């Protein structure tokens, strides 16, 4: 199920439907939100990235910056996570950061 939701997340990001991207991953994250698992935390980080983009689209820069900082907080878990989706998480990270760089929202 995670693989399908990651694909949905990417499609939504490509179409700049950031709220829908958030919803796609939240379906997987929400039932597991209390787990201390690094995979769950990474999902939360990607959700934060899409929320940050949506806030920027709404011209709420200050709130967007706070949420982007949450994405960055979870980003280092890419190096530590043990998951069969690790490669997909790396691709997601590059894709999210590519969007950020194109839109010139935040410096990494």
C-alpha atoms as a PDB file:
ATOM      1  CA  UNK A   1       0.000   0.000   0.000  1.00  0.00           C
ATOM      2  CA  UNK A   2       2.850   2.399   0.762  1.00  0.00           C
ATOM      3  CA  UNK A   3       4.180   2.063  -2.786  1.00  0.00           C
ATOM      4  CA  UNK A   4       0.797   3.069  -4.278  1.00  0.00           C
ATOM      5  CA  UNK A   5       0.470   6.035  -1.915  1.00  0.00           C
ATOM      6  CA  UNK A   6       4.000   7.196  -2.736  1.00  0.00           C
ATOM      7  CA  UNK A   7       3.067   7.148  -6.431  1.00  0.00           C
ATOM      8  CA  UNK A   8      -0.117   9.111  -5.646  1.00  0.00           C
ATOM      9  CA  UNK A   9       1.948  11.581  -3.581  1.00  0.00           C
ATOM     10  CA  UNK A  10       4.360  12.159  -6.481  1.00  0.00           C
ATOM     11  CA  UNK A  11       1.550  12.612  -9.009  1.00  0.00           C
ATOM     12  CA  UNK A  12      -0.119  15.190  -6.759  1.00  0.00           C
ATOM     13  CA  UNK A  13       3.164  17.059  -6.290  1.00  0.00           C
ATOM     14  CA  UNK A  14       3.755  17.096 -10.044  1.00  0.00           C
ATOM     15  CA  UNK A  15       0.316  18.656 -10.477  1.00  0.00           C
ATOM     16  CA  UNK A  16       0.961  21.131  -7.618  1.00  0.00           C
ATOM     17  CA  UNK A  17      -1.918  19.611  -5.654  1.00  0.00           C
ATOM     18  CA  UNK A  18       0.005  19.789  -2.414  1.00  0.00           C
ATOM     19  CA  UNK A  19      -2.978  19.317  -0.116  1.00  0.00           C
ATOM     20  CA  UNK A  20      -3.930  16.137  -1.992  1.00  0.00           C
ATOM     21  CA  UNK A  21      -0.324  14.939  -1.761  1.00  0.00           C
ATOM     22  CA  UNK A  22      -0.528  15.372   1.988  1.00  0.00           C
ATOM     23  CA  UNK A  23      -3.758  13.349   2.050  1.00  0.00           C
ATOM     24  CA  UNK A  24      -2.234  10.508   0.016  1.00  0.00           C
ATOM     25  CA  UNK A  25       0.595   9.848   2.471  1.00  0.00           C
ATOM     26  CA  UNK A  26      -1.499  10.571   5.522  1.00  0.00           C
ATOM     27  CA  UNK A  27      -3.622   7.513   4.713  1.00  0.00           C
ATOM     28  CA  UNK A  28      -0.546   5.379   5.374  1.00  0.00           C
ATOM     29  CA  UNK A  29       0.950   7.454   8.175  1.00  0.00           C
ATOM     30  CA  UNK A  30      -2.133   8.131  10.305  1.00  0.00           C
ATOM     31  CA  UNK A  31      -2.850   4.552  11.460  1.00  0.00           C
ATOM     32  CA  UNK A  32       0.838   4.191  12.420  1.00  0.00           C
ATOM     33  CA  UNK A  33       1.397   7.702  13.817  1.00  0.00           C
ATOM     34  CA  UNK A  34       2.181   6.536  17.371  1.00  0.00           C
ATOM     35  CA  UNK A  35       4.889   4.113  16.270  1.00  0.00           C
ATOM     36  CA  UNK A  36       8.476   5.163  16.970  1.00  0.00           C
ATOM     37  CA  UNK A  37       9.504   3.616  13.644  1.00  0.00           C
ATOM     38  CA  UNK A  38      11.828   5.670  11.409  1.00  0.00           C
ATOM     39  CA  UNK A  39       9.747   4.817   8.353  1.00  0.00           C
ATOM     40  CA  UNK A  40       6.709   6.404  10.005  1.00  0.00           C
ATOM     41  CA  UNK A  41       8.720   9.493  10.886  1.00  0.00           C
ATOM     42  CA  UNK A  42       9.968   9.815   7.299  1.00  0.00           C
ATOM     43  CA  UNK A  43       6.402   9.657   6.036  1.00  0.00           C
ATOM     44  CA  UNK A  44       5.563  12.453   8.451  1.00  0.00           C
ATOM     45  CA  UNK A  45       8.479  14.457   7.079  1.00  0.00           C
ATOM     46  CA  UNK A  46       7.259  14.112   3.502  1.00  0.00           C
ATOM     47  CA  UNK A  47       3.764  15.084   4.599  1.00  0.00           C
ATOM     48  CA  UNK A  48       5.278  18.192   6.180  1.00  0.00           C
ATOM     49  CA  UNK A  49       7.045  19.046   2.920  1.00  0.00           C
ATOM     50  CA  UNK A  50       3.776  18.978   0.975  1.00  0.00           C
ATOM     51  CA  UNK A  51       2.008  21.013   3.667  1.00  0.00           C
ATOM     52  CA  UNK A  52       4.842  23.536   3.491  1.00  0.00           C
ATOM     53  CA  UNK A  53       4.338  23.873  -0.277  1.00  0.00           C
ATOM     54  CA  UNK A  54       0.587  24.315   0.172  1.00  0.00           C
ATOM     55  CA  UNK A  55       1.154  27.044   2.764  1.00  0.00           C
ATOM     56  CA  UNK A  56       3.581  28.792   0.426  1.00  0.00           C
ATOM     57  CA  UNK A  57       0.985  28.606  -2.348  1.00  0.00           C
ATOM     58  CA  UNK A  58      -1.396  30.347   0.072  1.00  0.00           C
ATOM     59  CA  UNK A  59       1.308  32.984   0.715  1.00  0.00           C
ATOM     60  CA  UNK A  60       1.737  31.992   4.342  1.00  0.00           C
ATOM     61  CA  UNK A  61       5.539  32.122   4.305  1.00  0.00           C
ATOM     62  CA  UNK A  62       6.140  32.123   8.051  1.00  0.00           C
ATOM     63  CA  UNK A  63       3.989  29.048   8.660  1.00  0.00           C
ATOM     64  CA  UNK A  64       5.451  27.370   5.592  1.00  0.00           C
ATOM     65  CA  UNK A  65       8.993  27.882   6.894  1.00  0.00           C
ATOM     66  CA  UNK A  66       8.094  26.258  10.225  1.00  0.00           C
ATOM     67  CA  UNK A  67       6.621  23.212   8.514  1.00  0.00           C
ATOM     68  CA  UNK A  68       9.597  22.969   6.115  1.00  0.00           C
ATOM     69  CA  UNK A  69      11.859  22.895   9.172  1.00  0.00           C
ATOM     70  CA  UNK A  70       9.944  19.814  10.317  1.00  0.00           C
ATOM     71  CA  UNK A  71      10.665  18.137   6.985  1.00  0.00           C
ATOM     72  CA  UNK A  72      14.358  18.924   7.451  1.00  0.00           C
ATOM     73  CA  UNK A  73      14.254  17.507  10.980  1.00  0.00           C
ATOM     74  CA  UNK A  74      13.189  14.093   9.635  1.00  0.00           C
ATOM     75  CA  UNK A  75      15.395  14.129   6.522  1.00  0.00           C
ATOM     76  CA  UNK A  76      18.495  12.596   8.200  1.00  0.00           C
ATOM     77  CA  UNK A  77      16.449   9.457   8.906  1.00  0.00           C
ATOM     78  CA  UNK A  78      16.969   8.556   5.242  1.00  0.00           C
ATOM     79  CA  UNK A  79      20.442   7.343   6.231  1.00  0.00           C
ATOM     80  CA  UNK A  80      19.148   5.248   9.122  1.00  0.00           C
ATOM     81  CA  UNK A  81      15.822   3.781   8.011  1.00  0.00           C
ATOM     82  CA  UNK A  82      15.530   0.044   7.453  1.00  0.00           C
ATOM     83  CA  UNK A  83      12.689  -0.256   4.969  1.00  0.00           C
ATOM     84  CA  UNK A  84      11.932  -2.001   1.722  1.00  0.00           C
ATOM     85  CA  UNK A  85      10.886   1.473   0.522  1.00  0.00           C
ATOM     86  CA  UNK A  86      14.255   3.093   1.252  1.00  0.00           C
ATOM     87  CA  UNK A  87      15.026   3.738  -2.434  1.00  0.00           C
ATOM     88  CA  UNK A  88      11.591   5.271  -2.914  1.00  0.00           C
ATOM     89  CA  UNK A  89      12.153   7.486   0.118  1.00  0.00           C
ATOM     90  CA  UNK A  90      15.438   8.715  -1.405  1.00  0.00           C
ATOM     91  CA  UNK A  91      13.639   9.496  -4.670  1.00  0.00           C
ATOM     92  CA  UNK A  92      10.913  11.312  -2.761  1.00  0.00           C
ATOM     93  CA  UNK A  93      13.466  13.374  -0.907  1.00  0.00           C
ATOM     94  CA  UNK A  94      15.207  14.398  -4.128  1.00  0.00           C
ATOM     95  CA  UNK A  95      11.867  15.192  -5.753  1.00  0.00           C
ATOM     96  CA  UNK A  96      10.614  17.285  -2.832  1.00  0.00           C
ATOM     97  CA  UNK A  97      13.886  19.193  -2.696  1.00  0.00           C
ATOM     98  CA  UNK A  98      13.819  19.701  -6.460  1.00  0.00           C
ATOM     99  CA  UNK A  99      10.381  21.310  -6.129  1.00  0.00           C
ATOM    100  CA  UNK A 100      11.693  23.486  -3.328  1.00  0.00           C
ATOM    101  CA  UNK A 101      14.689  24.552  -5.437  1.00  0.00           C
ATOM    102  CA  UNK A 102      12.568  25.306  -8.524  1.00  0.00           C
ATOM    103  CA  UNK A 103      10.122  27.368  -6.509  1.00  0.00           C
ATOM    104  CA  UNK A 104      12.990  28.958  -4.568  1.00  0.00           C
ATOM    105  CA  UNK A 105      11.135  28.561  -1.293  1.00  0.00           C
ATOM    106  CA  UNK A 106      13.911  27.630   1.151  1.00  0.00           C
ATOM    107  CA  UNK A 107      17.678  27.104   1.011  1.00  0.00           C
ATOM    108  CA  UNK A 108      18.934  23.693   2.018  1.00  0.00           C
END
